[in-house]
């Protein structure tokens, strides 16, 4: 089993920045790709950014150039640095980790990000 705990959400004005953190614990050796997803009210959960066990990253078009995902394998933590935030970035942000051995993703409990205009 893998446990994911997010932190760093909050309320910020448009144009501001926030940094989310996700600490993984448990059977860390089973996971490779980690990522951030978000879900706004009335919308489906969508990919924000992913990073594999190396340095390869993938971003949603809507956040390219504004968000940066990074990973500290020594701390079993993945980060999402969000800059130039917009009201449409308002959502619950979820950390996710892929376990290929178990054919599943693990999810955190989510952290609220609210961007005011």
C-alpha atoms as a PDB file:
ATOM      1  CA  UNK A   1       0.000   0.000   0.000  1.00  0.00           C
ATOM      2  CA  UNK A   2       1.004   3.585  -0.669  1.00  0.00           C
ATOM      3  CA  UNK A   3      -0.254   6.620   1.213  1.00  0.00           C
ATOM      4  CA  UNK A   4      -0.201  10.110  -0.288  1.00  0.00           C
ATOM      5  CA  UNK A   5      -0.640  13.273   1.751  1.00  0.00           C
ATOM      6  CA  UNK A   6      -0.986  16.640   0.028  1.00  0.00           C
ATOM      7  CA  UNK A   7      -0.348  20.036   1.546  1.00  0.00           C
ATOM      8  CA  UNK A   8       0.050  23.629   0.443  1.00  0.00           C
ATOM      9  CA  UNK A   9      -3.365  24.534  -0.888  1.00  0.00           C
ATOM     10  CA  UNK A  10      -5.156  27.727   0.020  1.00  0.00           C
ATOM     11  CA  UNK A  11      -6.602  31.006  -1.166  1.00  0.00           C
ATOM     12  CA  UNK A  12      -4.567  33.247  -3.432  1.00  0.00           C
ATOM     13  CA  UNK A  13      -5.274  36.231  -5.641  1.00  0.00           C
ATOM     14  CA  UNK A  14      -5.082  35.976  -9.404  1.00  0.00           C
ATOM     15  CA  UNK A  15      -1.509  36.320 -10.555  1.00  0.00           C
ATOM     16  CA  UNK A  16      -0.173  34.838  -7.347  1.00  0.00           C
ATOM     17  CA  UNK A  17       1.699  31.632  -6.635  1.00  0.00           C
ATOM     18  CA  UNK A  18       1.286  28.507  -4.544  1.00  0.00           C
ATOM     19  CA  UNK A  19       3.387  25.411  -4.079  1.00  0.00           C
ATOM     20  CA  UNK A  20       1.744  22.071  -3.431  1.00  0.00           C
ATOM     21  CA  UNK A  21       3.560  19.150  -1.870  1.00  0.00           C
ATOM     22  CA  UNK A  22       2.701  15.455  -1.817  1.00  0.00           C
ATOM     23  CA  UNK A  23       4.520  13.110   0.514  1.00  0.00           C
ATOM     24  CA  UNK A  24       4.391   9.413  -0.270  1.00  0.00           C
ATOM     25  CA  UNK A  25       4.834   6.682   2.307  1.00  0.00           C
ATOM     26  CA  UNK A  26       4.428   2.935   2.528  1.00  0.00           C
ATOM     27  CA  UNK A  27       5.516   0.693  -0.335  1.00  0.00           C
ATOM     28  CA  UNK A  28       7.304   3.425  -2.253  1.00  0.00           C
ATOM     29  CA  UNK A  29       9.254   0.927  -4.346  1.00  0.00           C
ATOM     30  CA  UNK A  30       6.043  -0.013  -6.169  1.00  0.00           C
ATOM     31  CA  UNK A  31       5.399   3.412  -7.706  1.00  0.00           C
ATOM     32  CA  UNK A  32       6.940   5.104 -10.723  1.00  0.00           C
ATOM     33  CA  UNK A  33       4.953   7.941 -12.260  1.00  0.00           C
ATOM     34  CA  UNK A  34       3.543  10.581  -9.944  1.00  0.00           C
ATOM     35  CA  UNK A  35       1.305  13.423 -10.855  1.00  0.00           C
ATOM     36  CA  UNK A  36      -1.215  16.080 -10.010  1.00  0.00           C
ATOM     37  CA  UNK A  37      -4.822  16.112 -11.106  1.00  0.00           C
ATOM     38  CA  UNK A  38      -7.561  18.606 -10.349  1.00  0.00           C
ATOM     39  CA  UNK A  39     -11.315  18.674 -10.232  1.00  0.00           C
ATOM     40  CA  UNK A  40     -13.378  21.830 -10.340  1.00  0.00           C
ATOM     41  CA  UNK A  41     -17.044  21.884  -9.248  1.00  0.00           C
ATOM     42  CA  UNK A  42     -19.239  20.280 -11.870  1.00  0.00           C
ATOM     43  CA  UNK A  43     -16.286  19.148 -13.968  1.00  0.00           C
ATOM     44  CA  UNK A  44     -14.401  15.923 -14.468  1.00  0.00           C
ATOM     45  CA  UNK A  45     -11.048  15.301 -12.882  1.00  0.00           C
ATOM     46  CA  UNK A  46      -8.272  16.284 -15.251  1.00  0.00           C
ATOM     47  CA  UNK A  47      -4.547  15.827 -15.515  1.00  0.00           C
ATOM     48  CA  UNK A  48      -2.449  18.819 -14.521  1.00  0.00           C
ATOM     49  CA  UNK A  49       1.088  17.441 -14.648  1.00  0.00           C
ATOM     50  CA  UNK A  50       2.987  14.170 -14.406  1.00  0.00           C
ATOM     51  CA  UNK A  51       6.580  13.188 -13.760  1.00  0.00           C
ATOM     52  CA  UNK A  52       8.095   9.745 -14.090  1.00  0.00           C
ATOM     53  CA  UNK A  53      10.759   8.224 -11.899  1.00  0.00           C
ATOM     54  CA  UNK A  54      13.351  10.180 -13.832  1.00  0.00           C
ATOM     55  CA  UNK A  55      12.908  13.739 -15.050  1.00  0.00           C
ATOM     56  CA  UNK A  56      10.405  13.371 -17.864  1.00  0.00           C
ATOM     57  CA  UNK A  57       7.375  15.567 -17.390  1.00  0.00           C
ATOM     58  CA  UNK A  58       4.011  16.089 -19.037  1.00  0.00           C
ATOM     59  CA  UNK A  59       1.690  19.085 -18.627  1.00  0.00           C
ATOM     60  CA  UNK A  60      -1.836  19.991 -19.540  1.00  0.00           C
ATOM     61  CA  UNK A  61      -1.852  22.709 -22.185  1.00  0.00           C
ATOM     62  CA  UNK A  62      -3.736  25.022 -19.831  1.00  0.00           C
ATOM     63  CA  UNK A  63      -0.864  25.118 -17.320  1.00  0.00           C
ATOM     64  CA  UNK A  64       2.213  24.953 -19.559  1.00  0.00           C
ATOM     65  CA  UNK A  65       4.613  27.756 -18.772  1.00  0.00           C
ATOM     66  CA  UNK A  66       2.878  28.521 -15.460  1.00  0.00           C
ATOM     67  CA  UNK A  67       3.157  25.303 -13.434  1.00  0.00           C
ATOM     68  CA  UNK A  68       6.229  23.191 -12.736  1.00  0.00           C
ATOM     69  CA  UNK A  69       6.213  19.655 -11.381  1.00  0.00           C
ATOM     70  CA  UNK A  70       9.265  18.298  -9.624  1.00  0.00           C
ATOM     71  CA  UNK A  71      10.202  15.292  -7.563  1.00  0.00           C
ATOM     72  CA  UNK A  72      12.572  14.632  -4.693  1.00  0.00           C
ATOM     73  CA  UNK A  73      13.049  10.873  -4.614  1.00  0.00           C
ATOM     74  CA  UNK A  74      15.138  11.065  -1.440  1.00  0.00           C
ATOM     75  CA  UNK A  75      12.135  12.603   0.337  1.00  0.00           C
ATOM     76  CA  UNK A  76       9.510  10.602  -1.574  1.00  0.00           C
ATOM     77  CA  UNK A  77       7.825  13.900  -2.339  1.00  0.00           C
ATOM     78  CA  UNK A  78       6.438  15.473  -5.488  1.00  0.00           C
ATOM     79  CA  UNK A  79       5.812  19.201  -5.810  1.00  0.00           C
ATOM     80  CA  UNK A  80       3.696  21.429  -7.979  1.00  0.00           C
ATOM     81  CA  UNK A  81       4.852  25.022  -8.213  1.00  0.00           C
ATOM     82  CA  UNK A  82       1.976  27.100  -9.530  1.00  0.00           C
ATOM     83  CA  UNK A  83       2.547  30.634 -10.759  1.00  0.00           C
ATOM     84  CA  UNK A  84       0.462  33.241 -12.568  1.00  0.00           C
ATOM     85  CA  UNK A  85      -2.615  31.620 -11.113  1.00  0.00           C
ATOM     86  CA  UNK A  86      -5.985  32.289 -12.704  1.00  0.00           C
ATOM     87  CA  UNK A  87      -9.504  31.961 -11.292  1.00  0.00           C
ATOM     88  CA  UNK A  88     -10.040  28.988 -13.608  1.00  0.00           C
ATOM     89  CA  UNK A  89      -7.283  27.145 -11.738  1.00  0.00           C
ATOM     90  CA  UNK A  90      -9.638  26.927  -8.766  1.00  0.00           C
ATOM     91  CA  UNK A  91     -10.180  23.255  -7.963  1.00  0.00           C
ATOM     92  CA  UNK A  92      -9.395  20.450  -5.591  1.00  0.00           C
ATOM     93  CA  UNK A  93      -5.910  19.232  -6.469  1.00  0.00           C
ATOM     94  CA  UNK A  94      -5.136  15.554  -6.052  1.00  0.00           C
ATOM     95  CA  UNK A  95      -1.781  13.843  -5.914  1.00  0.00           C
ATOM     96  CA  UNK A  96      -1.562  10.490  -7.687  1.00  0.00           C
ATOM     97  CA  UNK A  97       1.016   7.733  -7.914  1.00  0.00           C
ATOM     98  CA  UNK A  98       1.080   4.818 -10.354  1.00  0.00           C
ATOM     99  CA  UNK A  99       1.876   1.296  -9.252  1.00  0.00           C
ATOM    100  CA  UNK A 100       2.507  -0.767 -12.381  1.00  0.00           C
ATOM    101  CA  UNK A 101       2.897  -3.952 -10.364  1.00  0.00           C
ATOM    102  CA  UNK A 102      -0.621  -3.569  -8.992  1.00  0.00           C
ATOM    103  CA  UNK A 103      -2.135  -2.094 -12.154  1.00  0.00           C
ATOM    104  CA  UNK A 104      -3.513   0.836 -10.189  1.00  0.00           C
ATOM    105  CA  UNK A 105      -3.138   4.434  -9.174  1.00  0.00           C
ATOM    106  CA  UNK A 106      -3.063   5.662  -5.604  1.00  0.00           C
ATOM    107  CA  UNK A 107      -4.714   8.972  -4.726  1.00  0.00           C
ATOM    108  CA  UNK A 108      -4.335  11.535  -2.009  1.00  0.00           C
ATOM    109  CA  UNK A 109      -7.251  13.136  -0.204  1.00  0.00           C
ATOM    110  CA  UNK A 110      -6.993  16.363  -2.171  1.00  0.00           C
ATOM    111  CA  UNK A 111      -6.196  19.947  -1.276  1.00  0.00           C
ATOM    112  CA  UNK A 112      -8.318  22.969  -2.181  1.00  0.00           C
ATOM    113  CA  UNK A 113      -6.840  25.734  -4.293  1.00  0.00           C
ATOM    114  CA  UNK A 114      -8.955  28.852  -4.685  1.00  0.00           C
ATOM    115  CA  UNK A 115      -7.881  31.732  -6.907  1.00  0.00           C
ATOM    116  CA  UNK A 116      -9.805  34.954  -6.443  1.00  0.00           C
ATOM    117  CA  UNK A 117     -10.179  37.526  -9.199  1.00  0.00           C
END
